[in-house]
Each structure stands twice: as structure tokens, then as C-alpha cells.
Amino acid sequence: MTVSKIKDEYLNPSDQDDVNKDDSFSFLQTREGDELDIRQDVLLEPVHSESYDLSYTCLLIPRFPSHQLKGDLAEYAPQWLQQICVSYGWRLEFTTVLPDYFQWVLHVAPSIPPGHFMQAIRTETSKLILSNFGHIRQENLSNDFWAPGYLVVLGARPHPKEMVEQYIRLTRRQQGLHTF
């Protein structure tokens, strides 16, 4: 705020002539007569970006039920995910790799939509899996190792077992892989 605006808004009309644009002062008299100290030190607390990050619990399942997450694939998947997260500036909290699904908790800035980080993760992990596991590449003609869709829930708790089972059933049904 400029000195002239301060003069107009806060000083009594009789005092306005006493204040020149080049004057410096530390107290102002408000219209009500109270003094306002504008020299007060303001203590700003440091802002830590992680306090504003959102946590998401995420889950992907392989496109083919026969492509189970076992052995080297189960060992490499969390390492690759960690590398992807560091590359994009996200924080990986934990991972769970079971034969039927891959689950993790991710901390990201609120400006990053879940669709963005899930697409990046599924694309990058698919490239790594398909390039390192030739037998999977031969059976999966798409460039996406993962089944269509994903399960993402706001928060840092693992998905309940029933939710995971229902998600897998619904996804397999949508793929036409359910049994009658």
C-alpha cells in the first residue's frame, strides 16, 4: 500500500497534511484514534510441502490372470515403481506385491490428478515388464501389461481384502474372463 493510500484511508483529515510521500513512520493513527504499529515483526512458519501432499492407495492387476506377480517380477516391480516415483517427484510410502495384484501408497501434490500418476505408472512399469520378460511380451500383444482400469482410494491405508476381490472380479468380468 502506498503512503498516499495510507494517508487517505487511515489518517484523520486534519493529520493528512502532516504526512509527505517521502516521510517514513512506524505508527499510524486510525480513524478511530487507535495507533497501528506497522513495524511489527512477522514470524512466518516454514511450509513443508509434504504436509499438503495427498495420499492415495493404488492397485493394478495384470491383464492376463496367468501373468502372476511372482519371482523376479515381484522383486523388480517395487524397485521400478520407486524409480518412477523419484523421477516424477512423488513419494512412495509402501508396496505390496501379491500374485494377483500390485498395491502401493503414493504421496503427491494436490495439483496432480490420480489419472495422471496412474497413467504414468502403468505406462512406465509396462515398458519395463514387457522389455525384461520376453515370455509375457509374447503372450500380451498390447503395450500395456496391466488390465484396463485401476483402483485408487484417497488415504494411506491398504485396500480391504473384500474391496480388492470385488475389483478383480469386476475387472475380469469386463474383460470377458469371468466364469459362468
Protein backbone atom coordinates (compact mmCIF):
# COMPACT_ATOMS: atom_id res chain seq x y z
CA MET A 1 0.00 0.00 0.00
CA THR A 2 1.42 3.41 -0.90
CA VAL A 3 1.83 6.28 1.53
CA SER A 4 -0.90 8.28 -0.22
CA LYS A 5 -3.36 5.40 0.13
CA ILE A 6 -2.44 5.05 3.79
CA LYS A 7 -2.99 8.80 4.20
CA ASP A 8 -6.40 8.62 2.57
CA GLU A 9 -7.66 5.52 4.34
CA TYR A 10 -6.21 5.63 7.86
CA LEU A 11 -5.35 9.16 8.89
CA ASN A 12 -7.72 11.76 10.20
CA PRO A 13 -8.23 14.53 7.64
CA SER A 14 -6.52 17.07 9.93
CA ASP A 15 -3.38 14.88 10.11
CA GLN A 16 -3.11 14.10 6.40
CA ASP A 17 -1.31 17.35 5.55
CA ASP A 18 1.47 16.50 8.03
CA VAL A 19 2.46 13.33 6.13
CA ASN A 20 4.55 13.73 2.99
CA LYS A 21 5.20 10.98 0.45
CA ASP A 22 8.86 10.80 1.44
CA ASP A 23 8.19 10.57 5.17
CA SER A 24 8.86 7.30 6.92
CA PHE A 25 6.92 6.39 10.00
CA SER A 26 6.18 3.39 12.11
CA PHE A 27 2.88 4.31 13.75
CA LEU A 28 -0.35 5.25 12.11
CA GLN A 29 -3.36 6.74 13.78
CA THR A 30 -6.52 5.11 12.52
CA ARG A 31 -9.80 6.92 12.12
CA GLU A 32 -10.95 5.53 15.44
CA GLY A 33 -7.91 7.01 17.12
CA ASP A 34 -6.01 3.75 17.75
CA GLU A 35 -2.36 3.58 16.85
CA LEU A 36 -1.28 0.85 14.45
CA ASP A 37 2.32 -0.31 14.63
CA ILE A 38 3.42 -1.28 11.12
CA ARG A 39 6.94 -2.21 12.26
CA GLN A 40 5.80 -5.41 13.91
CA ASP A 41 7.94 -8.37 13.12
CA VAL A 42 6.00 -11.08 11.41
CA LEU A 43 7.10 -14.60 12.19
CA LEU A 44 6.44 -16.91 9.27
CA GLU A 45 6.41 -20.61 9.91
CA PRO A 46 8.19 -22.77 7.36
CA VAL A 47 5.92 -24.56 4.95
CA HIS A 48 6.70 -28.19 4.32
CA SER A 49 5.26 -29.40 1.04
CA GLU A 50 4.63 -32.92 2.36
CA SER A 51 2.11 -31.52 4.82
CA TYR A 52 -0.04 -30.61 1.83
CA ASP A 53 0.51 -33.77 -0.21
CA LEU A 54 -2.37 -36.13 -0.76
CA SER A 55 -2.01 -39.85 -0.09
CA TYR A 56 -3.51 -42.40 -2.43
CA THR A 57 -3.66 -46.17 -2.11
CA CYS A 58 -3.38 -47.60 -5.62
CA LEU A 59 -3.84 -51.03 -7.17
CA LEU A 60 -3.23 -52.61 -10.58
CA ILE A 61 -3.81 -56.17 -11.72
CA PRO A 62 -2.13 -57.98 -14.63
CA ARG A 63 -4.07 -58.03 -17.92
CA PHE A 64 -3.94 -61.84 -18.04
CA PRO A 65 -4.70 -63.84 -14.88
CA SER A 66 -1.91 -66.24 -15.87
CA HIS A 67 0.66 -63.42 -15.63
CA GLN A 68 1.11 -63.61 -11.90
CA LEU A 69 3.40 -61.29 -10.00
CA LYS A 70 5.91 -63.81 -8.70
CA GLY A 71 9.67 -64.37 -8.67
CA ASP A 72 11.81 -61.73 -10.37
CA LEU A 73 8.77 -59.76 -11.47
CA ALA A 74 7.57 -59.44 -7.86
CA GLU A 75 11.07 -58.41 -6.83
CA TYR A 76 11.62 -55.81 -9.57
CA ALA A 77 8.17 -54.16 -9.59
CA PRO A 78 8.62 -52.21 -6.31
CA GLN A 79 12.13 -51.13 -7.35
CA TRP A 80 10.87 -49.87 -10.70
CA LEU A 81 7.97 -48.09 -9.04
CA GLN A 82 10.38 -46.37 -6.63
CA GLN A 83 12.49 -45.22 -9.59
CA ILE A 84 9.40 -43.86 -11.38
CA CYS A 85 8.24 -42.01 -8.25
CA VAL A 86 11.63 -40.39 -7.71
CA SER A 87 11.74 -39.39 -11.38
CA TYR A 88 8.33 -37.68 -11.17
CA GLY A 89 8.83 -36.15 -7.71
CA TRP A 90 6.30 -38.37 -5.94
CA ARG A 91 6.87 -40.17 -2.64
CA LEU A 92 6.27 -43.90 -2.39
CA GLU A 93 5.17 -44.98 1.08
CA PHE A 94 4.90 -48.77 0.75
CA THR A 95 4.26 -51.52 -1.77
CA THR A 96 2.60 -54.90 -1.64
CA VAL A 97 3.15 -57.41 -4.40
CA LEU A 98 0.92 -60.47 -4.41
CA PRO A 99 0.47 -62.89 -7.31
CA ASP A 100 -2.85 -61.28 -8.36
CA TYR A 101 -2.18 -57.60 -7.77
CA PHE A 102 0.29 -54.78 -7.13
CA GLN A 103 -0.68 -52.26 -4.42
CA TRP A 104 1.10 -49.17 -3.12
CA VAL A 105 0.62 -45.86 -1.31
CA LEU A 106 1.75 -42.72 -3.07
CA HIS A 107 2.06 -39.13 -1.79
CA VAL A 108 1.61 -36.46 -4.48
CA ALA A 109 0.87 -32.76 -4.70
CA PRO A 110 -2.85 -31.90 -4.74
CA SER A 111 -2.44 -30.46 -8.24
CA ILE A 112 -1.68 -33.91 -9.69
CA PRO A 113 -4.83 -35.82 -10.63
CA PRO A 114 -4.92 -39.58 -9.95
CA GLY A 115 -5.42 -40.30 -13.66
CA HIS A 116 -2.11 -38.59 -14.41
CA PHE A 117 0.06 -40.55 -12.00
CA MET A 118 -1.73 -43.83 -12.68
CA GLN A 119 -1.23 -43.47 -16.45
CA ALA A 120 2.45 -42.65 -15.97
CA ILE A 121 2.97 -45.60 -13.60
CA ARG A 122 1.13 -48.14 -15.76
CA THR A 123 2.95 -46.94 -18.92
CA GLU A 124 6.42 -46.97 -17.39
CA THR A 125 6.03 -50.24 -15.50
CA SER A 126 4.54 -51.90 -18.59
CA LYS A 127 7.56 -50.87 -20.66
CA LEU A 128 9.92 -52.29 -18.05
CA ILE A 129 7.99 -55.54 -17.55
CA LEU A 130 7.47 -56.24 -21.26
CA SER A 131 11.09 -55.46 -22.15
CA ASN A 132 12.52 -57.63 -19.36
CA PHE A 133 10.15 -60.59 -19.50
CA GLY A 134 10.02 -61.88 -23.09
CA HIS A 135 7.54 -64.67 -22.36
CA ILE A 136 5.00 -62.10 -21.15
CA ARG A 137 5.63 -59.94 -24.21
CA GLN A 138 4.90 -62.92 -26.49
CA GLU A 139 1.54 -63.57 -24.83
CA ASN A 140 0.47 -59.93 -24.39
CA LEU A 141 0.25 -58.20 -27.78
CA SER A 142 -0.65 -54.82 -26.30
CA ASN A 143 1.91 -52.43 -24.87
CA ASP A 144 0.11 -52.48 -21.52
CA PHE A 145 0.89 -55.24 -19.02
CA TRP A 146 -1.95 -54.13 -16.75
CA ALA A 147 -5.67 -54.87 -17.04
CA PRO A 148 -7.89 -51.93 -18.04
CA GLY A 149 -8.66 -49.56 -15.19
CA TYR A 150 -7.20 -49.17 -11.73
CA LEU A 151 -8.31 -48.91 -8.13
CA VAL A 152 -7.34 -45.68 -6.35
CA VAL A 153 -8.63 -44.62 -2.95
CA LEU A 154 -7.75 -41.40 -1.15
CA GLY A 155 -5.80 -42.22 2.00
CA ALA A 156 -2.81 -44.28 3.09
CA ARG A 157 -4.48 -47.50 4.25
CA PRO A 158 -4.28 -50.72 2.27
CA HIS A 159 -7.46 -51.63 0.43
CA PRO A 160 -9.66 -54.05 2.37
CA LYS A 161 -9.43 -57.63 1.11
CA GLU A 162 -13.10 -57.64 0.08
CA MET A 163 -12.64 -54.48 -1.99
CA VAL A 164 -9.66 -55.98 -3.83
CA GLU A 165 -11.51 -59.23 -4.51
CA GLN A 166 -14.56 -57.36 -5.82
CA TYR A 167 -12.38 -55.13 -8.02
CA ILE A 168 -10.63 -58.16 -9.54
CA ARG A 169 -13.98 -59.91 -10.18
CA LEU A 170 -15.49 -56.82 -11.83
CA THR A 171 -12.41 -56.22 -13.97
CA ARG A 172 -12.26 -59.84 -15.14
CA ARG A 173 -15.99 -59.73 -15.94
CA GLN A 174 -15.47 -56.55 -18.01
CA GLN A 175 -12.62 -58.31 -19.82
CA GLY A 176 -14.90 -61.24 -20.60
CA LEU A 177 -12.75 -63.56 -18.48
CA HIS A 178 -15.27 -64.48 -15.80
CA THR A 179 -16.57 -67.99 -15.49
CA PHE A 180 -20.27 -68.81 -15.55
